[in-house]
Amino acid sequence: MAMLRVRGFEIHKSYLSPEAQRALIDDLRPLLKAAPLFSPETPRGGKMSVRMTASGSYGWFSDASGYRYIDQHPSGRLWPAIPQALLDLWYAASGADRQPECCLLNYYGEDARMGLHQDKDEADFSYPVVSISLGDDALFRIGNITRGGKTDSVWLNSGDVVVMGGEARLAYHGVDRIRFKSSRLLPKGGRINLTLRVVT
């Protein structure tokens, strides 16, 4: 297992074994039944190309009113609990002393992407964001703490874990594209990205 450091982002290559990846997918199946994927609207009225859901006390949400965390799935049901395997991974990777309150799940289909953005809707930036890649390869772009300027790109593969803390915590980042069907982990292809965060 190798660790790359790019602009403060700790990129742990092959952090999860193929067996651990398959076990996580099994853990996610009941979660997705309890809290189905949905397509958020941006404040400008467009639809995001990723579909998402969440587990924990909070889920991230976007609509015409803006970006925020909410305590219920758009269906009105409470978010399901974060699977224990993901809690264990959070503590091992982050070294944090608090349990994550949100595990955001983003699903990237063939043409999905995520523009450069900051994770700044949380109350305390001293806690990192831990990101887990499952499924197809993704071209991850890393920017600066202000918009614009030179960026770096890294391919993330299934089983990679990225820790965004310290100088990387408020850096702009995004996903330019995925290599559809580059992994066999998800039967229909695509990529699942899980991000664990302390919200309050």
N, C-alpha and C. Protein backbone atom coordinates (compact mmCIF):
# COMPACT_ATOMS: atom_id res chain seq x y z
N MET A 1 0.85 -1.20 0.00
CA MET A 1 0.00 0.00 0.00
C MET A 1 0.88 1.24 0.00
N ALA A 2 0.76 2.06 -1.03
CA ALA A 2 1.58 3.28 -1.15
C ALA A 2 0.73 4.49 -0.78
N MET A 3 1.41 5.53 -0.26
CA MET A 3 0.72 6.77 0.06
C MET A 3 1.36 7.91 -0.70
N LEU A 4 0.53 8.63 -1.49
CA LEU A 4 0.98 9.81 -2.20
C LEU A 4 0.48 11.04 -1.45
N ARG A 5 1.28 12.09 -1.45
CA ARG A 5 0.83 13.35 -0.87
C ARG A 5 0.86 14.40 -1.98
N VAL A 6 -0.31 14.94 -2.30
CA VAL A 6 -0.44 15.96 -3.35
C VAL A 6 -1.14 17.16 -2.74
N ARG A 7 -0.42 18.25 -2.58
CA ARG A 7 -0.99 19.49 -2.02
C ARG A 7 -1.67 19.26 -0.69
N GLY A 8 -1.12 18.38 0.11
CA GLY A 8 -1.69 18.09 1.42
C GLY A 8 -2.72 16.98 1.42
N PHE A 9 -3.20 16.55 0.25
CA PHE A 9 -4.12 15.42 0.16
C PHE A 9 -3.31 14.13 0.35
N GLU A 10 -3.69 13.31 1.32
CA GLU A 10 -3.05 12.02 1.53
C GLU A 10 -3.82 10.97 0.74
N ILE A 11 -3.19 10.43 -0.29
CA ILE A 11 -3.85 9.47 -1.17
C ILE A 11 -3.26 8.09 -0.91
N HIS A 12 -4.04 7.25 -0.25
CA HIS A 12 -3.61 5.91 0.12
C HIS A 12 -4.07 4.95 -0.98
N LYS A 13 -3.13 4.54 -1.81
CA LYS A 13 -3.45 3.65 -2.92
C LYS A 13 -3.69 2.23 -2.42
N SER A 14 -4.72 1.59 -2.96
CA SER A 14 -5.05 0.19 -2.63
C SER A 14 -5.20 -0.02 -1.12
N TYR A 15 -5.80 0.97 -0.44
CA TYR A 15 -6.00 0.87 1.01
C TYR A 15 -6.90 -0.31 1.35
N LEU A 16 -7.93 -0.52 0.53
CA LEU A 16 -8.88 -1.61 0.76
C LEU A 16 -8.60 -2.76 -0.20
N SER A 17 -8.52 -3.95 0.34
CA SER A 17 -8.32 -5.14 -0.50
C SER A 17 -9.58 -5.40 -1.32
N PRO A 18 -9.47 -6.19 -2.39
CA PRO A 18 -10.68 -6.53 -3.16
C PRO A 18 -11.77 -7.14 -2.29
N GLU A 19 -11.38 -7.98 -1.30
CA GLU A 19 -12.36 -8.59 -0.41
C GLU A 19 -13.06 -7.54 0.44
N ALA A 20 -12.29 -6.57 0.95
CA ALA A 20 -12.87 -5.50 1.77
C ALA A 20 -13.80 -4.62 0.93
N GLN A 21 -13.44 -4.40 -0.33
CA GLN A 21 -14.30 -3.62 -1.22
C GLN A 21 -15.64 -4.32 -1.44
N ARG A 22 -15.59 -5.62 -1.69
CA ARG A 22 -16.83 -6.37 -1.92
C ARG A 22 -17.70 -6.38 -0.66
N ALA A 23 -17.05 -6.48 0.51
CA ALA A 23 -17.79 -6.47 1.77
C ALA A 23 -18.47 -5.13 1.98
N LEU A 24 -17.80 -4.05 1.61
CA LEU A 24 -18.41 -2.71 1.74
C LEU A 24 -19.62 -2.57 0.82
N ILE A 25 -19.50 -3.08 -0.40
CA ILE A 25 -20.65 -3.04 -1.32
C ILE A 25 -21.83 -3.78 -0.71
N ASP A 26 -21.58 -4.93 -0.06
CA ASP A 26 -22.65 -5.67 0.61
C ASP A 26 -23.28 -4.83 1.72
N ASP A 27 -22.44 -4.08 2.46
CA ASP A 27 -22.94 -3.22 3.53
C ASP A 27 -23.82 -2.08 2.99
N LEU A 28 -23.52 -1.65 1.77
CA LEU A 28 -24.23 -0.51 1.20
C LEU A 28 -25.59 -0.88 0.63
N ARG A 29 -25.82 -2.16 0.31
CA ARG A 29 -27.08 -2.55 -0.32
C ARG A 29 -28.30 -2.22 0.54
N PRO A 30 -28.33 -2.60 1.83
CA PRO A 30 -29.50 -2.23 2.64
C PRO A 30 -29.61 -0.72 2.85
N LEU A 31 -28.49 -0.05 2.90
CA LEU A 31 -28.49 1.41 3.04
C LEU A 31 -29.20 2.06 1.84
N LEU A 32 -28.87 1.57 0.64
CA LEU A 32 -29.46 2.14 -0.58
C LEU A 32 -30.95 1.82 -0.68
N LYS A 33 -31.39 0.71 -0.10
CA LYS A 33 -32.83 0.41 -0.08
C LYS A 33 -33.56 1.35 0.88
N ALA A 34 -32.92 1.64 2.03
CA ALA A 34 -33.54 2.51 3.04
C ALA A 34 -33.51 3.97 2.61
N ALA A 35 -32.48 4.36 1.89
CA ALA A 35 -32.30 5.76 1.46
C ALA A 35 -31.89 5.76 0.00
N PRO A 36 -32.84 5.64 -0.93
CA PRO A 36 -32.50 5.50 -2.36
C PRO A 36 -31.75 6.73 -2.89
N LEU A 37 -30.99 6.48 -3.95
CA LEU A 37 -30.27 7.56 -4.62
C LEU A 37 -31.25 8.61 -5.15
N PHE A 38 -30.83 9.87 -5.11
CA PHE A 38 -31.62 10.96 -5.68
C PHE A 38 -30.68 11.92 -6.41
N SER A 39 -31.24 12.74 -7.27
CA SER A 39 -30.46 13.70 -8.06
C SER A 39 -30.73 15.11 -7.54
N PRO A 40 -29.79 15.70 -6.81
CA PRO A 40 -30.04 17.03 -6.25
C PRO A 40 -30.07 18.11 -7.33
N GLU A 41 -30.81 19.16 -7.05
CA GLU A 41 -30.79 20.36 -7.88
C GLU A 41 -29.75 21.32 -7.35
N THR A 42 -29.10 22.03 -8.24
CA THR A 42 -28.18 23.08 -7.82
C THR A 42 -28.99 24.34 -7.50
N PRO A 43 -28.41 25.28 -6.74
CA PRO A 43 -29.12 26.53 -6.46
C PRO A 43 -29.54 27.28 -7.73
N ARG A 44 -28.84 27.04 -8.84
CA ARG A 44 -29.19 27.71 -10.10
C ARG A 44 -30.27 26.97 -10.90
N GLY A 45 -30.74 25.85 -10.36
CA GLY A 45 -31.85 25.15 -11.00
C GLY A 45 -31.47 23.96 -11.85
N GLY A 46 -30.19 23.70 -12.05
CA GLY A 46 -29.75 22.54 -12.82
C GLY A 46 -29.74 21.27 -11.98
N LYS A 47 -29.59 20.13 -12.65
CA LYS A 47 -29.48 18.85 -11.96
C LYS A 47 -28.02 18.43 -11.91
N MET A 48 -27.58 17.96 -10.75
CA MET A 48 -26.24 17.40 -10.67
C MET A 48 -26.17 16.12 -11.47
N SER A 49 -25.00 15.84 -12.07
CA SER A 49 -24.86 14.62 -12.86
C SER A 49 -24.62 13.40 -11.99
N VAL A 50 -24.19 13.60 -10.74
CA VAL A 50 -24.07 12.48 -9.81
C VAL A 50 -25.41 12.29 -9.10
N ARG A 51 -25.67 11.05 -8.73
CA ARG A 51 -26.80 10.76 -7.84
C ARG A 51 -26.23 10.48 -6.46
N MET A 52 -26.99 10.77 -5.42
CA MET A 52 -26.41 10.66 -4.09
C MET A 52 -27.43 10.21 -3.06
N THR A 53 -26.90 9.78 -1.92
CA THR A 53 -27.67 9.52 -0.72
C THR A 53 -26.69 9.62 0.44
N ALA A 54 -27.12 9.22 1.63
CA ALA A 54 -26.24 9.37 2.79
C ALA A 54 -26.66 8.42 3.90
N SER A 55 -25.78 8.31 4.89
CA SER A 55 -26.11 7.62 6.13
C SER A 55 -25.51 8.43 7.28
N GLY A 56 -26.02 8.19 8.48
CA GLY A 56 -25.56 8.93 9.64
C GLY A 56 -26.66 9.86 10.15
N SER A 57 -26.28 10.82 10.97
CA SER A 57 -27.25 11.77 11.53
C SER A 57 -27.68 12.82 10.52
N TYR A 58 -26.83 13.06 9.53
CA TYR A 58 -27.09 14.09 8.54
C TYR A 58 -26.76 13.59 7.14
N GLY A 59 -27.43 14.20 6.16
CA GLY A 59 -27.08 13.99 4.76
C GLY A 59 -26.92 15.33 4.08
N TRP A 60 -26.03 15.41 3.12
CA TRP A 60 -25.83 16.66 2.39
C TRP A 60 -26.93 16.80 1.34
N PHE A 61 -27.36 18.04 1.10
CA PHE A 61 -28.50 18.27 0.23
C PHE A 61 -28.33 19.61 -0.49
N SER A 62 -28.91 19.70 -1.65
CA SER A 62 -28.86 20.93 -2.43
C SER A 62 -30.18 21.13 -3.16
N ASP A 63 -30.66 22.39 -3.16
CA ASP A 63 -31.81 22.76 -3.96
C ASP A 63 -31.75 24.27 -4.20
N ALA A 64 -32.86 24.87 -4.58
CA ALA A 64 -32.87 26.31 -4.90
C ALA A 64 -32.49 27.17 -3.70
N SER A 65 -32.65 26.61 -2.48
CA SER A 65 -32.32 27.37 -1.26
C SER A 65 -30.83 27.34 -0.94
N GLY A 66 -30.06 26.47 -1.60
CA GLY A 66 -28.63 26.42 -1.37
C GLY A 66 -28.15 25.05 -0.91
N TYR A 67 -26.88 25.01 -0.50
CA TYR A 67 -26.23 23.78 -0.04
C TYR A 67 -26.33 23.71 1.48
N ARG A 68 -26.62 22.51 2.01
CA ARG A 68 -26.75 22.37 3.46
C ARG A 68 -26.85 20.89 3.84
N TYR A 69 -26.79 20.64 5.13
CA TYR A 69 -27.04 19.31 5.66
C TYR A 69 -28.47 19.25 6.20
N ILE A 70 -29.12 18.11 5.99
CA ILE A 70 -30.47 17.91 6.51
C ILE A 70 -30.49 16.58 7.28
N ASP A 71 -31.45 16.45 8.20
CA ASP A 71 -31.46 15.26 9.06
C ASP A 71 -32.40 14.16 8.56
N GLN A 72 -32.96 14.33 7.36
CA GLN A 72 -33.83 13.31 6.78
C GLN A 72 -33.57 13.18 5.29
N HIS A 73 -33.76 11.98 4.78
CA HIS A 73 -33.77 11.75 3.34
C HIS A 73 -34.91 12.56 2.72
N PRO A 74 -34.79 12.99 1.45
CA PRO A 74 -35.89 13.75 0.83
C PRO A 74 -37.25 13.06 0.91
N SER A 75 -37.27 11.74 1.10
CA SER A 75 -38.53 11.00 1.25
C SER A 75 -39.20 11.28 2.59
N GLY A 76 -38.45 11.87 3.52
CA GLY A 76 -38.98 12.12 4.86
C GLY A 76 -38.52 11.12 5.90
N ARG A 77 -37.84 10.06 5.47
CA ARG A 77 -37.34 9.06 6.41
C ARG A 77 -35.98 9.49 6.96
N LEU A 78 -35.70 9.07 8.19
CA LEU A 78 -34.38 9.33 8.77
C LEU A 78 -33.32 8.60 7.97
N TRP A 79 -32.12 9.17 7.91
CA TRP A 79 -31.01 8.49 7.25
C TRP A 79 -30.65 7.22 8.01
N PRO A 80 -30.26 6.16 7.33
CA PRO A 80 -29.82 4.94 8.01
C PRO A 80 -28.48 5.16 8.72
N ALA A 81 -28.15 4.26 9.62
CA ALA A 81 -26.89 4.37 10.37
C ALA A 81 -25.69 4.11 9.46
N ILE A 82 -24.57 4.71 9.79
CA ILE A 82 -23.32 4.46 9.06
C ILE A 82 -22.85 3.05 9.39
N PRO A 83 -22.56 2.22 8.39
CA PRO A 83 -22.08 0.85 8.66
C PRO A 83 -20.81 0.85 9.52
N GLN A 84 -20.70 -0.14 10.39
CA GLN A 84 -19.57 -0.21 11.31
C GLN A 84 -18.23 -0.27 10.58
N ALA A 85 -18.18 -0.96 9.46
CA ALA A 85 -16.91 -1.06 8.71
C ALA A 85 -16.42 0.32 8.29
N LEU A 86 -17.35 1.23 7.96
CA LEU A 86 -16.96 2.58 7.57
C LEU A 86 -16.53 3.40 8.78
N LEU A 87 -17.17 3.18 9.93
CA LEU A 87 -16.72 3.86 11.15
C LEU A 87 -15.31 3.42 11.51
N ASP A 88 -15.04 2.13 11.40
CA ASP A 88 -13.70 1.62 11.68
C ASP A 88 -12.67 2.23 10.74
N LEU A 89 -13.04 2.33 9.47
CA LEU A 89 -12.13 2.91 8.49
C LEU A 89 -11.86 4.38 8.80
N TRP A 90 -12.90 5.11 9.19
CA TRP A 90 -12.76 6.53 9.55
C TRP A 90 -11.72 6.70 10.65
N TYR A 91 -11.86 5.95 11.73
CA TYR A 91 -10.93 6.10 12.85
C TYR A 91 -9.51 5.72 12.45
N ALA A 92 -9.38 4.65 11.66
CA ALA A 92 -8.05 4.20 11.25
C ALA A 92 -7.37 5.21 10.33
N ALA A 93 -8.12 5.80 9.42
CA ALA A 93 -7.53 6.70 8.42
C ALA A 93 -7.38 8.13 8.92
N SER A 94 -8.33 8.59 9.75
CA SER A 94 -8.36 10.00 10.13
C SER A 94 -7.61 10.32 11.41
N GLY A 95 -7.57 9.35 12.32
CA GLY A 95 -7.01 9.62 13.64
C GLY A 95 -7.88 10.55 14.46
N ALA A 96 -9.11 10.78 14.03
CA ALA A 96 -10.00 11.73 14.71
C ALA A 96 -10.56 11.13 16.00
N ASP A 97 -10.96 12.01 16.92
CA ASP A 97 -11.52 11.57 18.20
C ASP A 97 -13.04 11.68 18.24
N ARG A 98 -13.66 12.02 17.11
CA ARG A 98 -15.11 12.09 17.03
C ARG A 98 -15.62 11.19 15.92
N GLN A 99 -16.81 10.65 16.14
CA GLN A 99 -17.43 9.81 15.12
C GLN A 99 -17.95 10.69 13.99
N PRO A 100 -17.85 10.24 12.75
CA PRO A 100 -18.44 11.01 11.65
C PRO A 100 -19.95 11.05 11.79
N GLU A 101 -20.54 12.17 11.41
CA GLU A 101 -21.99 12.33 11.49
C GLU A 101 -22.66 12.17 10.15
N CYS A 102 -21.86 12.09 9.09
CA CYS A 102 -22.41 11.92 7.75
C CYS A 102 -21.46 11.07 6.92
N CYS A 103 -22.03 10.10 6.23
CA CYS A 103 -21.31 9.41 5.16
C CYS A 103 -22.10 9.68 3.89
N LEU A 104 -21.57 10.59 3.08
CA LEU A 104 -22.21 10.94 1.82
C LEU A 104 -21.81 9.91 0.77
N LEU A 105 -22.79 9.40 0.04
CA LEU A 105 -22.54 8.44 -1.04
C LEU A 105 -22.88 9.11 -2.36
N ASN A 106 -21.89 9.27 -3.22
CA ASN A 106 -22.09 9.78 -4.57
C ASN A 106 -21.91 8.66 -5.57
N TYR A 107 -22.87 8.49 -6.47
CA TYR A 107 -22.74 7.49 -7.53
C TYR A 107 -22.49 8.22 -8.85
N TYR A 108 -21.39 7.84 -9.51
CA TYR A 108 -21.02 8.41 -10.81
C TYR A 108 -21.33 7.40 -11.90
N GLY A 109 -22.26 7.74 -12.76
CA GLY A 109 -22.52 6.94 -13.94
C GLY A 109 -21.54 7.30 -15.06
N GLU A 110 -21.81 6.82 -16.24
CA GLU A 110 -20.85 6.93 -17.35
C GLU A 110 -20.43 8.37 -17.64
N ASP A 111 -21.36 9.31 -17.60
CA ASP A 111 -21.06 10.69 -17.99
C ASP A 111 -21.02 11.65 -16.81
N ALA A 112 -21.02 11.13 -15.59
CA ALA A 112 -21.07 12.00 -14.42
C ALA A 112 -19.70 12.62 -14.13
N ARG A 113 -19.75 13.79 -13.53
CA ARG A 113 -18.54 14.48 -13.10
C ARG A 113 -18.91 15.34 -11.91
N MET A 114 -17.89 15.91 -11.28
CA MET A 114 -18.11 16.82 -10.16
C MET A 114 -17.16 18.01 -10.33
N GLY A 115 -17.72 19.19 -10.53
CA GLY A 115 -16.90 20.37 -10.72
C GLY A 115 -16.07 20.71 -9.49
N LEU A 116 -15.05 21.53 -9.68
CA LEU A 116 -14.20 21.94 -8.57
C LEU A 116 -15.05 22.63 -7.50
N HIS A 117 -14.88 22.21 -6.25
CA HIS A 117 -15.68 22.75 -5.15
C HIS A 117 -14.89 22.60 -3.85
N GLN A 118 -15.31 23.31 -2.85
CA GLN A 118 -14.79 23.16 -1.49
C GLN A 118 -15.83 22.46 -0.63
N ASP A 119 -15.37 21.65 0.33
CA ASP A 119 -16.27 21.08 1.33
C ASP A 119 -16.27 22.05 2.51
N LYS A 120 -17.26 22.93 2.57
CA LYS A 120 -17.24 23.99 3.57
C LYS A 120 -18.59 24.19 4.27
N ASP A 121 -19.47 23.19 4.20
CA ASP A 121 -20.76 23.30 4.86
C ASP A 121 -20.74 22.71 6.27
N GLU A 122 -19.56 22.28 6.72
CA GLU A 122 -19.42 21.73 8.06
C GLU A 122 -19.05 22.85 9.04
N ALA A 123 -19.27 22.59 10.34
CA ALA A 123 -19.04 23.63 11.35
C ALA A 123 -17.59 23.72 11.79
N ASP A 124 -16.85 22.61 11.71
CA ASP A 124 -15.49 22.56 12.28
C ASP A 124 -14.54 21.96 11.25
N PHE A 125 -13.68 22.79 10.68
CA PHE A 125 -12.77 22.33 9.63
C PHE A 125 -11.51 21.66 10.19
N SER A 126 -11.42 21.53 11.51
CA SER A 126 -10.25 20.86 12.07
C SER A 126 -10.33 19.34 11.87
N TYR A 127 -11.53 18.84 11.57
CA TYR A 127 -11.68 17.41 11.28
C TYR A 127 -11.56 17.17 9.78
N PRO A 128 -10.86 16.11 9.38
CA PRO A 128 -10.68 15.86 7.95
C PRO A 128 -11.94 15.30 7.31
N VAL A 129 -11.93 15.26 6.00
CA VAL A 129 -12.90 14.48 5.22
C VAL A 129 -12.16 13.25 4.71
N VAL A 130 -12.74 12.08 4.91
CA VAL A 130 -12.13 10.83 4.43
C VAL A 130 -12.96 10.32 3.27
N SER A 131 -12.31 10.11 2.13
CA SER A 131 -12.98 9.75 0.88
C SER A 131 -12.55 8.35 0.44
N ILE A 132 -13.53 7.52 0.07
CA ILE A 132 -13.29 6.13 -0.31
C ILE A 132 -13.81 5.92 -1.72
N SER A 133 -12.97 5.37 -2.59
CA SER A 133 -13.35 5.10 -3.99
C SER A 133 -13.67 3.63 -4.17
N LEU A 134 -14.81 3.34 -4.79
CA LEU A 134 -15.23 1.98 -5.10
C LEU A 134 -15.72 1.94 -6.54
N GLY A 135 -15.23 0.99 -7.31
CA GLY A 135 -15.69 0.85 -8.70
C GLY A 135 -14.75 1.50 -9.69
N ASP A 136 -15.32 2.13 -10.70
CA ASP A 136 -14.53 2.62 -11.84
C ASP A 136 -13.52 3.71 -11.44
N ASP A 137 -12.43 3.75 -12.22
CA ASP A 137 -11.39 4.77 -12.02
C ASP A 137 -11.96 6.17 -12.22
N ALA A 138 -11.44 7.13 -11.44
CA ALA A 138 -11.88 8.51 -11.55
C ALA A 138 -10.67 9.43 -11.65
N LEU A 139 -10.76 10.42 -12.53
CA LEU A 139 -9.70 11.43 -12.65
C LEU A 139 -10.02 12.55 -11.67
N PHE A 140 -9.25 12.58 -10.58
CA PHE A 140 -9.48 13.49 -9.45
C PHE A 140 -8.60 14.72 -9.64
N ARG A 141 -9.24 15.88 -9.63
CA ARG A 141 -8.50 17.14 -9.82
C ARG A 141 -8.37 17.87 -8.48
N ILE A 142 -7.18 18.36 -8.20
CA ILE A 142 -6.89 19.05 -6.95
C ILE A 142 -6.45 20.47 -7.26
N GLY A 143 -7.12 21.43 -6.65
CA GLY A 143 -6.81 22.83 -6.86
C GLY A 143 -6.23 23.50 -5.64
N ASN A 144 -6.57 24.74 -5.46
CA ASN A 144 -6.01 25.58 -4.42
C ASN A 144 -7.10 25.94 -3.40
N ILE A 145 -6.74 26.69 -2.37
CA ILE A 145 -7.75 27.10 -1.39
C ILE A 145 -8.54 28.31 -1.88
N THR A 146 -8.11 28.90 -2.97
CA THR A 146 -8.90 29.91 -3.66
C THR A 146 -9.18 29.41 -5.07
N ARG A 147 -10.26 29.88 -5.67
CA ARG A 147 -10.64 29.39 -7.01
C ARG A 147 -9.64 29.88 -8.06
N GLY A 148 -9.34 29.02 -9.03
CA GLY A 148 -8.42 29.38 -10.11
C GLY A 148 -7.01 28.91 -9.83
N GLY A 149 -6.14 29.15 -10.80
CA GLY A 149 -4.74 28.76 -10.66
C GLY A 149 -4.47 27.35 -11.14
N LYS A 150 -3.24 26.94 -11.02
CA LYS A 150 -2.79 25.63 -11.49
C LYS A 150 -3.42 24.51 -10.66
N THR A 151 -3.71 23.41 -11.32
CA THR A 151 -4.27 22.24 -10.63
C THR A 151 -3.42 21.01 -10.94
N ASP A 152 -3.60 19.98 -10.13
CA ASP A 152 -2.97 18.68 -10.36
C ASP A 152 -4.06 17.63 -10.46
N SER A 153 -3.81 16.58 -11.22
CA SER A 153 -4.79 15.50 -11.38
C SER A 153 -4.16 14.16 -11.05
N VAL A 154 -4.96 13.29 -10.42
CA VAL A 154 -4.52 11.95 -10.02
C VAL A 154 -5.66 10.99 -10.33
N TRP A 155 -5.32 9.83 -10.91
CA TRP A 155 -6.33 8.79 -11.10
C TRP A 155 -6.55 8.06 -9.78
N LEU A 156 -7.81 8.00 -9.34
CA LEU A 156 -8.19 7.22 -8.17
C LEU A 156 -8.80 5.91 -8.63
N ASN A 157 -8.37 4.83 -7.99
CA ASN A 157 -8.83 3.49 -8.36
C ASN A 157 -9.65 2.89 -7.22
N SER A 158 -10.37 1.84 -7.52
CA SER A 158 -11.19 1.19 -6.52
C SER A 158 -10.33 0.73 -5.34
N GLY A 159 -10.75 1.06 -4.15
CA GLY A 159 -10.00 0.72 -2.95
C GLY A 159 -9.09 1.81 -2.44
N ASP A 160 -8.94 2.90 -3.20
CA ASP A 160 -8.12 4.03 -2.74
C ASP A 160 -8.88 4.83 -1.68
N VAL A 161 -8.14 5.37 -0.72
CA VAL A 161 -8.71 6.22 0.32
C VAL A 161 -7.93 7.53 0.36
N VAL A 162 -8.65 8.64 0.35
CA VAL A 162 -8.03 9.97 0.39
C VAL A 162 -8.43 10.66 1.69
N VAL A 163 -7.43 11.20 2.39
CA VAL A 163 -7.69 11.97 3.61
C VAL A 163 -7.42 13.44 3.31
N MET A 164 -8.46 14.26 3.46
CA MET A 164 -8.37 15.69 3.20
C MET A 164 -8.41 16.43 4.53
N GLY A 165 -7.24 16.75 5.06
CA GLY A 165 -7.15 17.46 6.32
C GLY A 165 -6.08 18.52 6.24
N GLY A 166 -5.97 19.33 7.29
CA GLY A 166 -4.94 20.36 7.31
C GLY A 166 -5.07 21.31 6.14
N GLU A 167 -3.96 21.50 5.42
CA GLU A 167 -3.96 22.45 4.29
C GLU A 167 -4.90 22.01 3.17
N ALA A 168 -5.22 20.72 3.10
CA ALA A 168 -6.09 20.21 2.04
C ALA A 168 -7.58 20.33 2.38
N ARG A 169 -7.89 20.62 3.64
CA ARG A 169 -9.29 20.54 4.08
C ARG A 169 -10.22 21.46 3.28
N LEU A 170 -9.76 22.66 2.94
CA LEU A 170 -10.59 23.61 2.21
C LEU A 170 -10.10 23.84 0.78
N ALA A 171 -9.28 22.93 0.29
CA ALA A 171 -8.81 23.06 -1.09
C ALA A 171 -9.92 22.66 -2.06
N TYR A 172 -9.95 23.33 -3.21
CA TYR A 172 -10.88 22.95 -4.27
C TYR A 172 -10.49 21.59 -4.84
N HIS A 173 -11.48 20.78 -5.15
CA HIS A 173 -11.24 19.46 -5.73
C HIS A 173 -12.49 19.04 -6.50
N GLY A 174 -12.31 18.08 -7.40
CA GLY A 174 -13.44 17.61 -8.19
C GLY A 174 -13.06 16.38 -8.99
N VAL A 175 -14.02 15.86 -9.73
CA VAL A 175 -13.82 14.68 -10.58
C VAL A 175 -14.15 15.06 -12.01
N ASP A 176 -13.15 14.99 -12.89
CA ASP A 176 -13.34 15.38 -14.29
C ASP A 176 -14.07 14.32 -15.11
N ARG A 177 -13.78 13.06 -14.84
CA ARG A 177 -14.44 11.99 -15.59
C ARG A 177 -14.12 10.66 -14.94
N ILE A 178 -14.86 9.62 -15.34
CA ILE A 178 -14.53 8.28 -14.91
C ILE A 178 -14.24 7.42 -16.15
N ARG A 179 -13.48 6.37 -15.91
CA ARG A 179 -13.27 5.35 -16.96
C ARG A 179 -14.37 4.31 -16.77
N PHE A 180 -15.45 4.47 -17.54
CA PHE A 180 -16.61 3.62 -17.34
C PHE A 180 -16.28 2.17 -17.66
N LYS A 181 -16.73 1.27 -16.77
CA LYS A 181 -16.51 -0.18 -16.88
C LYS A 181 -15.03 -0.56 -16.73
N SER A 182 -14.23 0.30 -16.09
CA SER A 182 -12.83 -0.05 -15.84
C SER A 182 -12.69 -0.99 -14.65
N SER A 183 -13.74 -1.15 -13.87
CA SER A 183 -13.75 -2.04 -12.71
C SER A 183 -14.91 -3.01 -12.84
N ARG A 184 -14.77 -4.17 -12.24
CA ARG A 184 -15.85 -5.15 -12.22
C ARG A 184 -16.59 -5.17 -10.89
N LEU A 185 -16.25 -4.25 -10.00
CA LEU A 185 -16.84 -4.28 -8.66
C LEU A 185 -18.34 -4.05 -8.69
N LEU A 186 -18.79 -3.10 -9.51
CA LEU A 186 -20.22 -2.82 -9.63
C LEU A 186 -20.72 -3.46 -10.92
N PRO A 187 -21.69 -4.37 -10.84
CA PRO A 187 -22.11 -5.14 -12.01
C PRO A 187 -22.50 -4.28 -13.22
N LYS A 188 -23.11 -3.12 -12.97
CA LYS A 188 -23.54 -2.25 -14.08
C LYS A 188 -22.54 -1.14 -14.38
N GLY A 189 -21.38 -1.19 -13.74
CA GLY A 189 -20.38 -0.15 -13.95
C GLY A 189 -20.66 1.08 -13.11
N GLY A 190 -19.76 2.04 -13.19
CA GLY A 190 -19.89 3.27 -12.42
C GLY A 190 -18.97 3.28 -11.21
N ARG A 191 -19.03 4.38 -10.50
CA ARG A 191 -18.17 4.59 -9.34
C ARG A 191 -19.00 5.06 -8.15
N ILE A 192 -18.70 4.50 -7.01
CA ILE A 192 -19.26 4.99 -5.75
C ILE A 192 -18.14 5.69 -4.99
N ASN A 193 -18.42 6.91 -4.55
CA ASN A 193 -17.50 7.64 -3.69
C ASN A 193 -18.19 7.88 -2.36
N LEU A 194 -17.55 7.43 -1.29
CA LEU A 194 -18.06 7.63 0.06
C LEU A 194 -17.20 8.67 0.75
N THR A 195 -17.82 9.70 1.34
CA THR A 195 -17.04 10.68 2.09
C THR A 195 -17.61 10.79 3.50
N LEU A 196 -16.73 10.58 4.46
CA LEU A 196 -17.10 10.61 5.88
C LEU A 196 -16.71 11.96 6.45
N ARG A 197 -17.64 12.59 7.20
CA ARG A 197 -17.40 13.94 7.71
C ARG A 197 -18.00 14.12 9.10
N VAL A 198 -17.36 14.97 9.91
CA VAL A 198 -17.97 15.53 11.11
C VAL A 198 -18.69 16.80 10.66
N VAL A 199 -19.96 16.92 11.00
CA VAL A 199 -20.79 18.00 10.49
C VAL A 199 -20.91 19.17 11.47
N THR A 200 -21.18 18.87 12.75
CA THR A 200 -21.50 19.92 13.71
C THR A 200 -20.29 20.36 14.53
